[in-house]
Amino acid sequence: MKRKHAELIHAWADGAQIQHHHKFEDRWDDVPNPRWIDDHYYRIKPEPIPEIVKVFYLESNSLVGLRFSESFVNIDTRGKNRIRCAFDGVTGQLKSAEVLK
């Protein structure tokens, strides 16, 4: 009979990083030496999803007020009101913003 976690055990033996699920706290934690308990949940640690980075040009005038637009490669906005924003790759939430010179 095949063990419940057999595939994960083999992946762990080959160097995969394993995580254990804490059901009451609903989170995954790294486990360097898993106990492989049958009624527990394990997984291979997923690859991190990279953040999404965008550069915006900020325009302000009496006609349009304040307006953000993405900077495009064919428009030279260097040295002009640019903001670099980094968004979380999973949630899409803004992580950081930086004024570019």
PDB file of N, CA and C in Angstrom:
ATOM      1  N   MET A   1       0.831  -1.181   0.000  1.00  0.00           N
ATOM      2  CA  MET A   1       0.000   0.000   0.000  1.00  0.00           C
ATOM      3  C   MET A   1       0.883   1.255   0.000  1.00  0.00           C
ATOM      4  N   LYS A   2       0.555   2.189  -0.874  1.00  0.00           N
ATOM      5  CA  LYS A   2       1.331   3.418  -1.005  1.00  0.00           C
ATOM      6  C   LYS A   2       1.010   4.363   0.163  1.00  0.00           C
ATOM      7  N   ARG A   3       2.056   4.960   0.757  1.00  0.00           N
ATOM      8  CA  ARG A   3       1.863   5.930   1.840  1.00  0.00           C
ATOM      9  C   ARG A   3       1.174   7.179   1.312  1.00  0.00           C
ATOM     10  N   LYS A   4       0.380   7.820   2.178  1.00  0.00           N
ATOM     11  CA  LYS A   4      -0.375   9.002   1.796  1.00  0.00           C
ATOM     12  C   LYS A   4       0.525  10.106   1.234  1.00  0.00           C
ATOM     13  N   HIS A   5       1.648  10.338   1.853  1.00  0.00           N
ATOM     14  CA  HIS A   5       2.524  11.441   1.467  1.00  0.00           C
ATOM     15  C   HIS A   5       3.723  10.992   0.623  1.00  0.00           C
ATOM     16  N   ALA A   6       3.626   9.837  -0.008  1.00  0.00           N
ATOM     17  CA  ALA A   6       4.768   9.239  -0.706  1.00  0.00           C
ATOM     18  C   ALA A   6       5.406  10.183  -1.735  1.00  0.00           C
ATOM     19  N   GLU A   7       4.586  10.837  -2.558  1.00  0.00           N
ATOM     20  CA  GLU A   7       5.143  11.723  -3.589  1.00  0.00           C
ATOM     21  C   GLU A   7       5.876  12.907  -2.964  1.00  0.00           C
ATOM     22  N   LEU A   8       5.308  13.465  -1.888  1.00  0.00           N
ATOM     23  CA  LEU A   8       5.960  14.575  -1.197  1.00  0.00           C
ATOM     24  C   LEU A   8       7.243  14.128  -0.506  1.00  0.00           C
ATOM     25  N   ILE A   9       7.230  12.925   0.045  1.00  0.00           N
ATOM     26  CA  ILE A   9       8.430  12.386   0.704  1.00  0.00           C
ATOM     27  C   ILE A   9       9.558  12.250  -0.321  1.00  0.00           C
ATOM     28  N   HIS A  10       9.237  11.759  -1.498  1.00  0.00           N
ATOM     29  CA  HIS A  10      10.250  11.624  -2.553  1.00  0.00           C
ATOM     30  C   HIS A  10      10.771  12.993  -2.988  1.00  0.00           C
ATOM     31  N   ALA A  11       9.848  13.956  -3.134  1.00  0.00           N
ATOM     32  CA  ALA A  11      10.268  15.307  -3.523  1.00  0.00           C
ATOM     33  C   ALA A  11      11.160  15.917  -2.448  1.00  0.00           C
ATOM     34  N   TRP A  12      10.809  15.717  -1.182  1.00  0.00           N
ATOM     35  CA  TRP A  12      11.606  16.217  -0.055  1.00  0.00           C
ATOM     36  C   TRP A  12      13.001  15.574  -0.072  1.00  0.00           C
ATOM     37  N   ALA A  13      13.049  14.256  -0.313  1.00  0.00           N
ATOM     38  CA  ALA A  13      14.331  13.546  -0.372  1.00  0.00           C
ATOM     39  C   ALA A  13      15.194  14.070  -1.523  1.00  0.00           C
ATOM     40  N   ASP A  14      14.552  14.568  -2.582  1.00  0.00           N
ATOM     41  CA  ASP A  14      15.276  15.135  -3.722  1.00  0.00           C
ATOM     42  C   ASP A  14      15.599  16.616  -3.538  1.00  0.00           C
ATOM     43  N   GLY A  15      15.257  17.180  -2.365  1.00  0.00           N
ATOM     44  CA  GLY A  15      15.644  18.557  -2.066  1.00  0.00           C
ATOM     45  C   GLY A  15      14.532  19.589  -2.067  1.00  0.00           C
ATOM     46  N   ALA A  16      13.290  19.189  -2.308  1.00  0.00           N
ATOM     47  CA  ALA A  16      12.190  20.150  -2.299  1.00  0.00           C
ATOM     48  C   ALA A  16      11.943  20.667  -0.883  1.00  0.00           C
ATOM     49  N   GLN A  17      11.566  21.926  -0.777  1.00  0.00           N
ATOM     50  CA  GLN A  17      11.225  22.498   0.525  1.00  0.00           C
ATOM     51  C   GLN A  17       9.747  22.200   0.798  1.00  0.00           C
ATOM     52  N   ILE A  18       9.472  21.662   1.993  1.00  0.00           N
ATOM     53  CA  ILE A  18       8.127  21.223   2.361  1.00  0.00           C
ATOM     54  C   ILE A  18       7.519  22.193   3.359  1.00  0.00           C
ATOM     55  N   GLN A  19       6.191  22.389   3.220  1.00  0.00           N
ATOM     56  CA  GLN A  19       5.448  23.198   4.174  1.00  0.00           C
ATOM     57  C   GLN A  19       4.340  22.358   4.806  1.00  0.00           C
ATOM     58  N   HIS A  20       4.002  22.705   6.038  1.00  0.00           N
ATOM     59  CA  HIS A  20       2.960  22.036   6.810  1.00  0.00           C
ATOM     60  C   HIS A  20       1.834  23.036   7.044  1.00  0.00           C
ATOM     61  N   HIS A  21       0.582  22.580   6.927  1.00  0.00           N
ATOM     62  CA  HIS A  21      -0.570  23.471   7.110  1.00  0.00           C
ATOM     63  C   HIS A  21      -1.052  23.432   8.553  1.00  0.00           C
ATOM     64  N   HIS A  22      -1.208  24.621   9.142  1.00  0.00           N
ATOM     65  CA  HIS A  22      -1.800  24.764  10.472  1.00  0.00           C
ATOM     66  C   HIS A  22      -3.261  25.141  10.263  1.00  0.00           C
ATOM     67  N   LYS A  23      -4.167  24.167  10.456  1.00  0.00           N
ATOM     68  CA  LYS A  23      -5.567  24.415  10.091  1.00  0.00           C
ATOM     69  C   LYS A  23      -6.249  25.441  10.987  1.00  0.00           C
ATOM     70  N   PHE A  24      -5.892  25.527  12.255  1.00  0.00           N
ATOM     71  CA  PHE A  24      -6.559  26.481  13.142  1.00  0.00           C
ATOM     72  C   PHE A  24      -6.130  27.919  12.853  1.00  0.00           C
ATOM     73  N   GLU A  25      -4.916  28.089  12.364  1.00  0.00           N
ATOM     74  CA  GLU A  25      -4.429  29.431  12.028  1.00  0.00           C
ATOM     75  C   GLU A  25      -4.467  29.679  10.523  1.00  0.00           C
ATOM     76  N   ASP A  26      -4.840  28.663   9.761  1.00  0.00           N
ATOM     77  CA  ASP A  26      -4.932  28.726   8.302  1.00  0.00           C
ATOM     78  C   ASP A  26      -3.700  29.360   7.670  1.00  0.00           C
ATOM     79  N   ARG A  27      -2.564  28.743   7.946  1.00  0.00           N
ATOM     80  CA  ARG A  27      -1.311  29.226   7.356  1.00  0.00           C
ATOM     81  C   ARG A  27      -0.403  28.034   7.072  1.00  0.00           C
ATOM     82  N   TRP A  28       0.559  28.258   6.181  1.00  0.00           N
ATOM     83  CA  TRP A  28       1.558  27.258   5.832  1.00  0.00           C
ATOM     84  C   TRP A  28       2.901  27.703   6.389  1.00  0.00           C
ATOM     85  N   ASP A  29       3.627  26.764   7.015  1.00  0.00           N
ATOM     86  CA  ASP A  29       4.961  27.047   7.547  1.00  0.00           C
ATOM     87  C   ASP A  29       5.976  26.081   6.949  1.00  0.00           C
ATOM     88  N   ASP A  30       7.198  26.575   6.740  1.00  0.00           N
ATOM     89  CA  ASP A  30       8.281  25.711   6.270  1.00  0.00           C
ATOM     90  C   ASP A  30       8.598  24.675   7.345  1.00  0.00           C
ATOM     91  N   VAL A  31       8.849  23.433   6.908  1.00  0.00           N
ATOM     92  CA  VAL A  31       9.204  22.353   7.825  1.00  0.00           C
ATOM     93  C   VAL A  31      10.446  21.664   7.286  1.00  0.00           C
ATOM     94  N   PRO A  32      11.618  21.883   7.913  1.00  0.00           N
ATOM     95  CA  PRO A  32      12.836  21.257   7.397  1.00  0.00           C
ATOM     96  C   PRO A  32      12.837  19.736   7.540  1.00  0.00           C
ATOM     97  N   ASN A  33      12.205  19.220   8.602  1.00  0.00           N
ATOM     98  CA  ASN A  33      12.151  17.772   8.841  1.00  0.00           C
ATOM     99  C   ASN A  33      10.714  17.350   9.142  1.00  0.00           C
ATOM    100  N   PRO A  34       9.909  17.155   8.094  1.00  0.00           N
ATOM    101  CA  PRO A  34       8.499  16.812   8.296  1.00  0.00           C
ATOM    102  C   PRO A  34       8.330  15.484   9.033  1.00  0.00           C
ATOM    103  N   ARG A  35       7.252  15.390   9.819  1.00  0.00           N
ATOM    104  CA  ARG A  35       6.951  14.149  10.546  1.00  0.00           C
ATOM    105  C   ARG A  35       6.065  13.217   9.719  1.00  0.00           C
ATOM    106  N   TRP A  36       5.459  13.727   8.658  1.00  0.00           N
ATOM    107  CA  TRP A  36       4.633  12.960   7.729  1.00  0.00           C
ATOM    108  C   TRP A  36       3.480  12.244   8.441  1.00  0.00           C
ATOM    109  N   ILE A  37       2.745  12.963   9.238  1.00  0.00           N
ATOM    110  CA  ILE A  37       1.588  12.425   9.945  1.00  0.00           C
ATOM    111  C   ILE A  37       0.434  12.305   8.947  1.00  0.00           C
ATOM    112  N   ASP A  38      -0.222  11.156   8.931  1.00  0.00           N
ATOM    113  CA  ASP A  38      -1.232  10.873   7.908  1.00  0.00           C
ATOM    114  C   ASP A  38      -2.374  11.880   7.848  1.00  0.00           C
ATOM    115  N   ASP A  39      -2.850  12.358   8.985  1.00  0.00           N
ATOM    116  CA  ASP A  39      -4.000  13.263   8.939  1.00  0.00           C
ATOM    117  C   ASP A  39      -3.597  14.740   8.911  1.00  0.00           C
ATOM    118  N   HIS A  40      -2.332  15.028   8.596  1.00  0.00           N
ATOM    119  CA  HIS A  40      -1.863  16.396   8.428  1.00  0.00           C
ATOM    120  C   HIS A  40      -1.671  16.678   6.942  1.00  0.00           C
ATOM    121  N   TYR A  41      -1.633  17.981   6.610  1.00  0.00           N
ATOM    122  CA  TYR A  41      -1.478  18.386   5.216  1.00  0.00           C
ATOM    123  C   TYR A  41      -0.096  18.990   5.001  1.00  0.00           C
ATOM    124  N   TYR A  42       0.531  18.559   3.918  1.00  0.00           N
ATOM    125  CA  TYR A  42       1.855  19.038   3.529  1.00  0.00           C
ATOM    126  C   TYR A  42       1.797  19.440   2.061  1.00  0.00           C
ATOM    127  N   ARG A  43       2.752  20.252   1.660  1.00  0.00           N
ATOM    128  CA  ARG A  43       2.864  20.618   0.250  1.00  0.00           C
ATOM    129  C   ARG A  43       4.303  21.024  -0.031  1.00  0.00           C
ATOM    130  N   ILE A  44       4.644  21.039  -1.306  1.00  0.00           N
ATOM    131  CA  ILE A  44       5.920  21.611  -1.728  1.00  0.00           C
ATOM    132  C   ILE A  44       5.743  23.125  -1.692  1.00  0.00           C
ATOM    133  N   LYS A  45       6.711  23.817  -1.110  1.00  0.00           N
ATOM    134  CA  LYS A  45       6.614  25.270  -1.001  1.00  0.00           C
ATOM    135  C   LYS A  45       6.503  25.872  -2.402  1.00  0.00           C
ATOM    136  N   PRO A  46       5.453  26.659  -2.641  1.00  0.00           N
ATOM    137  CA  PRO A  46       5.289  27.237  -3.978  1.00  0.00           C
ATOM    138  C   PRO A  46       6.336  28.305  -4.270  1.00  0.00           C
ATOM    139  N   GLU A  47       6.625  28.455  -5.545  1.00  0.00           N
ATOM    140  CA  GLU A  47       7.546  29.508  -5.977  1.00  0.00           C
ATOM    141  C   GLU A  47       6.889  30.858  -5.706  1.00  0.00           C
ATOM    142  N   PRO A  48       7.652  31.835  -5.237  1.00  0.00           N
ATOM    143  CA  PRO A  48       7.054  33.147  -5.006  1.00  0.00           C
ATOM    144  C   PRO A  48       6.622  33.784  -6.321  1.00  0.00           C
ATOM    145  N   ILE A  49       5.514  34.488  -6.265  1.00  0.00           N
ATOM    146  CA  ILE A  49       5.021  35.191  -7.444  1.00  0.00           C
ATOM    147  C   ILE A  49       5.650  36.581  -7.435  1.00  0.00           C
ATOM    148  N   PRO A  50       6.339  36.940  -8.501  1.00  0.00           N
ATOM    149  CA  PRO A  50       7.039  38.233  -8.497  1.00  0.00           C
ATOM    150  C   PRO A  50       6.062  39.406  -8.443  1.00  0.00           C
ATOM    151  N   GLU A  51       6.562  40.497  -7.879  1.00  0.00           N
ATOM    152  CA  GLU A  51       5.739  41.690  -7.819  1.00  0.00           C
ATOM    153  C   GLU A  51       5.598  42.288  -9.214  1.00  0.00           C
ATOM    154  N   ILE A  52       4.569  43.093  -9.381  1.00  0.00           N
ATOM    155  CA  ILE A  52       4.308  43.773 -10.649  1.00  0.00           C
ATOM    156  C   ILE A  52       4.778  45.212 -10.488  1.00  0.00           C
ATOM    157  N   VAL A  53       5.648  45.660 -11.381  1.00  0.00           N
ATOM    158  CA  VAL A  53       6.197  47.011 -11.297  1.00  0.00           C
ATOM    159  C   VAL A  53       5.715  47.822 -12.494  1.00  0.00           C
ATOM    160  N   LYS A  54       5.188  49.005 -12.205  1.00  0.00           N
ATOM    161  CA  LYS A  54       4.733  49.911 -13.257  1.00  0.00           C
ATOM    162  C   LYS A  54       5.265  51.298 -12.975  1.00  0.00           C
ATOM    163  N   VAL A  55       5.523  52.044 -14.039  1.00  0.00           N
ATOM    164  CA  VAL A  55       5.961  53.430 -13.908  1.00  0.00           C
ATOM    165  C   VAL A  55       4.849  54.307 -14.472  1.00  0.00           C
ATOM    166  N   PHE A  56       4.461  55.291 -13.690  1.00  0.00           N
ATOM    167  CA  PHE A  56       3.394  56.195 -14.088  1.00  0.00           C
ATOM    168  C   PHE A  56       3.935  57.605 -14.253  1.00  0.00           C
ATOM    169  N   TYR A  57       3.362  58.322 -15.204  1.00  0.00           N
ATOM    170  CA  TYR A  57       3.652  59.734 -15.410  1.00  0.00           C
ATOM    171  C   TYR A  57       2.512  60.511 -14.754  1.00  0.00           C
ATOM    172  N   LEU A  58       2.849  61.469 -13.932  1.00  0.00           N
ATOM    173  CA  LEU A  58       1.862  62.276 -13.225  1.00  0.00           C
ATOM    174  C   LEU A  58       1.747  63.629 -13.907  1.00  0.00           C
ATOM    175  N   GLU A  59       0.548  63.933 -14.370  1.00  0.00           N
ATOM    176  CA  GLU A  59       0.299  65.194 -15.056  1.00  0.00           C
ATOM    177  C   GLU A  59      -0.664  66.031 -14.224  1.00  0.00           C
ATOM    178  N   SER A  60      -0.360  67.288 -14.090  1.00  0.00           N
ATOM    179  CA  SER A  60      -1.218  68.191 -13.342  1.00  0.00           C
ATOM    180  C   SER A  60      -1.335  69.507 -14.105  1.00  0.00           C
ATOM    181  N   ASN A  61      -2.575  69.853 -14.463  1.00  0.00           N
ATOM    182  CA  ASN A  61      -2.806  71.159 -15.087  1.00  0.00           C
ATOM    183  C   ASN A  61      -4.242  71.595 -14.836  1.00  0.00           C
ATOM    184  N   SER A  62      -4.545  72.811 -15.201  1.00  0.00           N
ATOM    185  CA  SER A  62      -5.868  73.367 -14.896  1.00  0.00           C
ATOM    186  C   SER A  62      -6.987  72.720 -15.709  1.00  0.00           C
ATOM    187  N   LEU A  63      -6.673  72.113 -16.859  1.00  0.00           N
ATOM    188  CA  LEU A  63      -7.712  71.489 -17.683  1.00  0.00           C
ATOM    189  C   LEU A  63      -8.110  70.099 -17.194  1.00  0.00           C
ATOM    190  N   VAL A  64      -7.115  69.257 -16.880  1.00  0.00           N
ATOM    191  CA  VAL A  64      -7.414  67.864 -16.497  1.00  0.00           C
ATOM    192  C   VAL A  64      -7.281  67.626 -14.997  1.00  0.00           C
ATOM    193  N   GLY A  65      -6.764  68.580 -14.271  1.00  0.00           N
ATOM    194  CA  GLY A  65      -6.518  68.364 -12.847  1.00  0.00           C
ATOM    195  C   GLY A  65      -5.318  67.455 -12.683  1.00  0.00           C
ATOM    196  N   LEU A  66      -5.430  66.482 -11.811  1.00  0.00           N
ATOM    197  CA  LEU A  66      -4.343  65.541 -11.553  1.00  0.00           C
ATOM    198  C   LEU A  66      -4.656  64.229 -12.251  1.00  0.00           C
ATOM    199  N   ARG A  67      -3.720  63.731 -13.058  1.00  0.00           N
ATOM    200  CA  ARG A  67      -3.970  62.510 -13.827  1.00  0.00           C
ATOM    201  C   ARG A  67      -2.709  61.658 -13.881  1.00  0.00           C
ATOM    202  N   PHE A  68      -2.875  60.348 -13.649  1.00  0.00           N
ATOM    203  CA  PHE A  68      -1.787  59.384 -13.794  1.00  0.00           C
ATOM    204  C   PHE A  68      -1.950  58.672 -15.124  1.00  0.00           C
ATOM    205  N   SER A  69      -0.862  58.427 -15.802  1.00  0.00           N
ATOM    206  CA  SER A  69      -0.900  57.556 -16.975  1.00  0.00           C
ATOM    207  C   SER A  69       0.389  56.752 -16.991  1.00  0.00           C
ATOM    208  N   GLU A  70       0.305  55.553 -17.559  1.00  0.00           N
ATOM    209  CA  GLU A  70       1.510  54.718 -17.626  1.00  0.00           C
ATOM    210  C   GLU A  70       2.509  55.354 -18.571  1.00  0.00           C
ATOM    211  N   SER A  71       3.782  55.310 -18.164  1.00  0.00           N
ATOM    212  CA  SER A  71       4.842  55.796 -19.044  1.00  0.00           C
ATOM    213  C   SER A  71       5.078  54.754 -20.123  1.00  0.00           C
ATOM    214  N   PHE A  72       5.133  55.186 -21.343  1.00  0.00           N
ATOM    215  CA  PHE A  72       5.374  54.280 -22.453  1.00  0.00           C
ATOM    216  C   PHE A  72       6.785  54.482 -22.973  1.00  0.00           C
ATOM    217  N   VAL A  73       7.330  53.439 -23.557  1.00  0.00           N
ATOM    218  CA  VAL A  73       8.710  53.454 -24.029  1.00  0.00           C
ATOM    219  C   VAL A  73       8.915  54.550 -25.076  1.00  0.00           C
ATOM    220  N   ASN A  74       7.903  54.782 -25.911  1.00  0.00           N
ATOM    221  CA  ASN A  74       8.085  55.748 -26.996  1.00  0.00           C
ATOM    222  C   ASN A  74       7.883  57.204 -26.549  1.00  0.00           C
ATOM    223  N   ILE A  75       7.540  57.431 -25.306  1.00  0.00           N
ATOM    224  CA  ILE A  75       7.389  58.792 -24.786  1.00  0.00           C
ATOM    225  C   ILE A  75       8.500  59.033 -23.774  1.00  0.00           C
ATOM    226  N   ASP A  76       9.297  60.051 -24.004  1.00  0.00           N
ATOM    227  CA  ASP A  76      10.403  60.356 -23.092  1.00  0.00           C
ATOM    228  C   ASP A  76       9.873  61.169 -21.910  1.00  0.00           C
ATOM    229  N   THR A  77       9.733  60.509 -20.765  1.00  0.00           N
ATOM    230  CA  THR A  77       9.249  61.191 -19.562  1.00  0.00           C
ATOM    231  C   THR A  77      10.342  61.266 -18.499  1.00  0.00           C
ATOM    232  N   ARG A  78      11.604  60.970 -18.888  1.00  0.00           N
ATOM    233  CA  ARG A  78      12.687  61.043 -17.904  1.00  0.00           C
ATOM    234  C   ARG A  78      12.771  62.447 -17.316  1.00  0.00           C
ATOM    235  N   GLY A  79      12.943  62.513 -16.021  1.00  0.00           N
ATOM    236  CA  GLY A  79      13.071  63.792 -15.344  1.00  0.00           C
ATOM    237  C   GLY A  79      11.748  64.525 -15.182  1.00  0.00           C
ATOM    238  N   LYS A  80      10.653  63.861 -15.521  1.00  0.00           N
ATOM    239  CA  LYS A  80       9.343  64.498 -15.442  1.00  0.00           C
ATOM    240  C   LYS A  80       8.407  63.691 -14.547  1.00  0.00           C
ATOM    241  N   ASN A  81       8.023  64.144 -13.442  1.00  0.00           N
ATOM    242  CA  ASN A  81       6.935  63.623 -12.613  1.00  0.00           C
ATOM    243  C   ASN A  81       6.629  62.130 -12.780  1.00  0.00           C
ATOM    244  N   ARG A  82       7.619  61.274 -12.619  1.00  0.00           N
ATOM    245  CA  ARG A  82       7.389  59.840 -12.754  1.00  0.00           C
ATOM    246  C   ARG A  82       7.359  59.178 -11.381  1.00  0.00           C
ATOM    247  N   ILE A  83       6.492  58.175 -11.248  1.00  0.00           N
ATOM    248  CA  ILE A  83       6.372  57.418 -10.008  1.00  0.00           C
ATOM    249  C   ILE A  83       6.463  55.930 -10.344  1.00  0.00           C
ATOM    250  N   ARG A  84       7.344  55.225  -9.636  1.00  0.00           N
ATOM    251  CA  ARG A  84       7.484  53.768  -9.796  1.00  0.00           C
ATOM    252  C   ARG A  84       6.667  53.117  -8.701  1.00  0.00           C
ATOM    253  N   CYS A  85       5.721  52.253  -9.086  1.00  0.00           N
ATOM    254  CA  CYS A  85       4.863  51.559  -8.119  1.00  0.00           C
ATOM    255  C   CYS A  85       5.095  50.055  -8.220  1.00  0.00           C
ATOM    256  N   ALA A  86       5.219  49.407  -7.069  1.00  0.00           N
ATOM    257  CA  ALA A  86       5.364  47.950  -7.016  1.00  0.00           C
ATOM    258  C   ALA A  86       4.118  47.377  -6.347  1.00  0.00           C
ATOM    259  N   PHE A  87       3.493  46.405  -7.018  1.00  0.00           N
ATOM    260  CA  PHE A  87       2.277  45.777  -6.531  1.00  0.00           C
ATOM    261  C   PHE A  87       2.553  44.314  -6.196  1.00  0.00           C
ATOM    262  N   ASP A  88       1.912  43.806  -5.154  1.00  0.00           N
ATOM    263  CA  ASP A  88       2.028  42.400  -4.779  1.00  0.00           C
ATOM    264  C   ASP A  88       1.534  41.543  -5.937  1.00  0.00           C
ATOM    265  N   GLY A  89       2.301  40.522  -6.306  1.00  0.00           N
ATOM    266  CA  GLY A  89       1.956  39.666  -7.439  1.00  0.00           C
ATOM    267  C   GLY A  89       0.734  38.805  -7.221  1.00  0.00           C
ATOM    268  N   VAL A  90       0.351  38.582  -5.971  1.00  0.00           N
ATOM    269  CA  VAL A  90      -0.820  37.750  -5.663  1.00  0.00           C
ATOM    270  C   VAL A  90      -2.057  38.610  -5.438  1.00  0.00           C
ATOM    271  N   THR A  91      -1.951  39.585  -4.545  1.00  0.00           N
ATOM    272  CA  THR A  91      -3.124  40.365  -4.142  1.00  0.00           C
ATOM    273  C   THR A  91      -3.356  41.601  -5.003  1.00  0.00           C
ATOM    274  N   GLY A  92      -2.311  42.079  -5.693  1.00  0.00           N
ATOM    275  CA  GLY A  92      -2.429  43.305  -6.467  1.00  0.00           C
ATOM    276  C   GLY A  92      -2.356  44.559  -5.625  1.00  0.00           C
ATOM    277  N   GLN A  93      -2.139  44.402  -4.321  1.00  0.00           N
ATOM    278  CA  GLN A  93      -2.047  45.551  -3.416  1.00  0.00           C
ATOM    279  C   GLN A  93      -0.734  46.304  -3.612  1.00  0.00           C
ATOM    280  N   LEU A  94      -0.799  47.612  -3.500  1.00  0.00           N
ATOM    281  CA  LEU A  94       0.394  48.446  -3.610  1.00  0.00           C
ATOM    282  C   LEU A  94       1.345  48.147  -2.466  1.00  0.00           C
ATOM    283  N   LYS A  95       2.600  47.817  -2.795  1.00  0.00           N
ATOM    284  CA  LYS A  95       3.623  47.538  -1.771  1.00  0.00           C
ATOM    285  C   LYS A  95       4.524  48.728  -1.539  1.00  0.00           C
ATOM    286  N   SER A  96       4.850  49.451  -2.619  1.00  0.00           N
ATOM    287  CA  SER A  96       5.739  50.603  -2.476  1.00  0.00           C
ATOM    288  C   SER A  96       5.547  51.545  -3.653  1.00  0.00           C
ATOM    289  N   ALA A  97       5.931  52.800  -3.421  1.00  0.00           N
ATOM    290  CA  ALA A  97       5.904  53.815  -4.464  1.00  0.00           C
ATOM    291  C   ALA A  97       7.130  54.690  -4.301  1.00  0.00           C
ATOM    292  N   GLU A  98       7.718  55.074  -5.418  1.00  0.00           N
ATOM    293  CA  GLU A  98       8.959  55.846  -5.387  1.00  0.00           C
ATOM    294  C   GLU A  98       8.918  56.910  -6.476  1.00  0.00           C
ATOM    295  N   VAL A  99       9.261  58.131  -6.108  1.00  0.00           N
ATOM    296  CA  VAL A  99       9.364  59.203  -7.082  1.00  0.00           C
ATOM    297  C   VAL A  99      10.689  59.045  -7.818  1.00  0.00           C
ATOM    298  N   LEU A 100      10.620  59.016  -9.149  1.00  0.00           N
ATOM    299  CA  LEU A 100      11.831  58.862  -9.962  1.00  0.00           C
ATOM    300  C   LEU A 100      12.316  60.228 -10.421  1.00  0.00           C
ATOM    301  N   LYS A 101      13.616  60.371 -10.515  1.00  0.00           N
ATOM    302  CA  LYS A 101      14.197  61.640 -10.943  1.00  0.00           C
ATOM    303  C   LYS A 101      14.709  61.515 -12.360  1.00  0.00           C
TER     304      LYS A 101
END
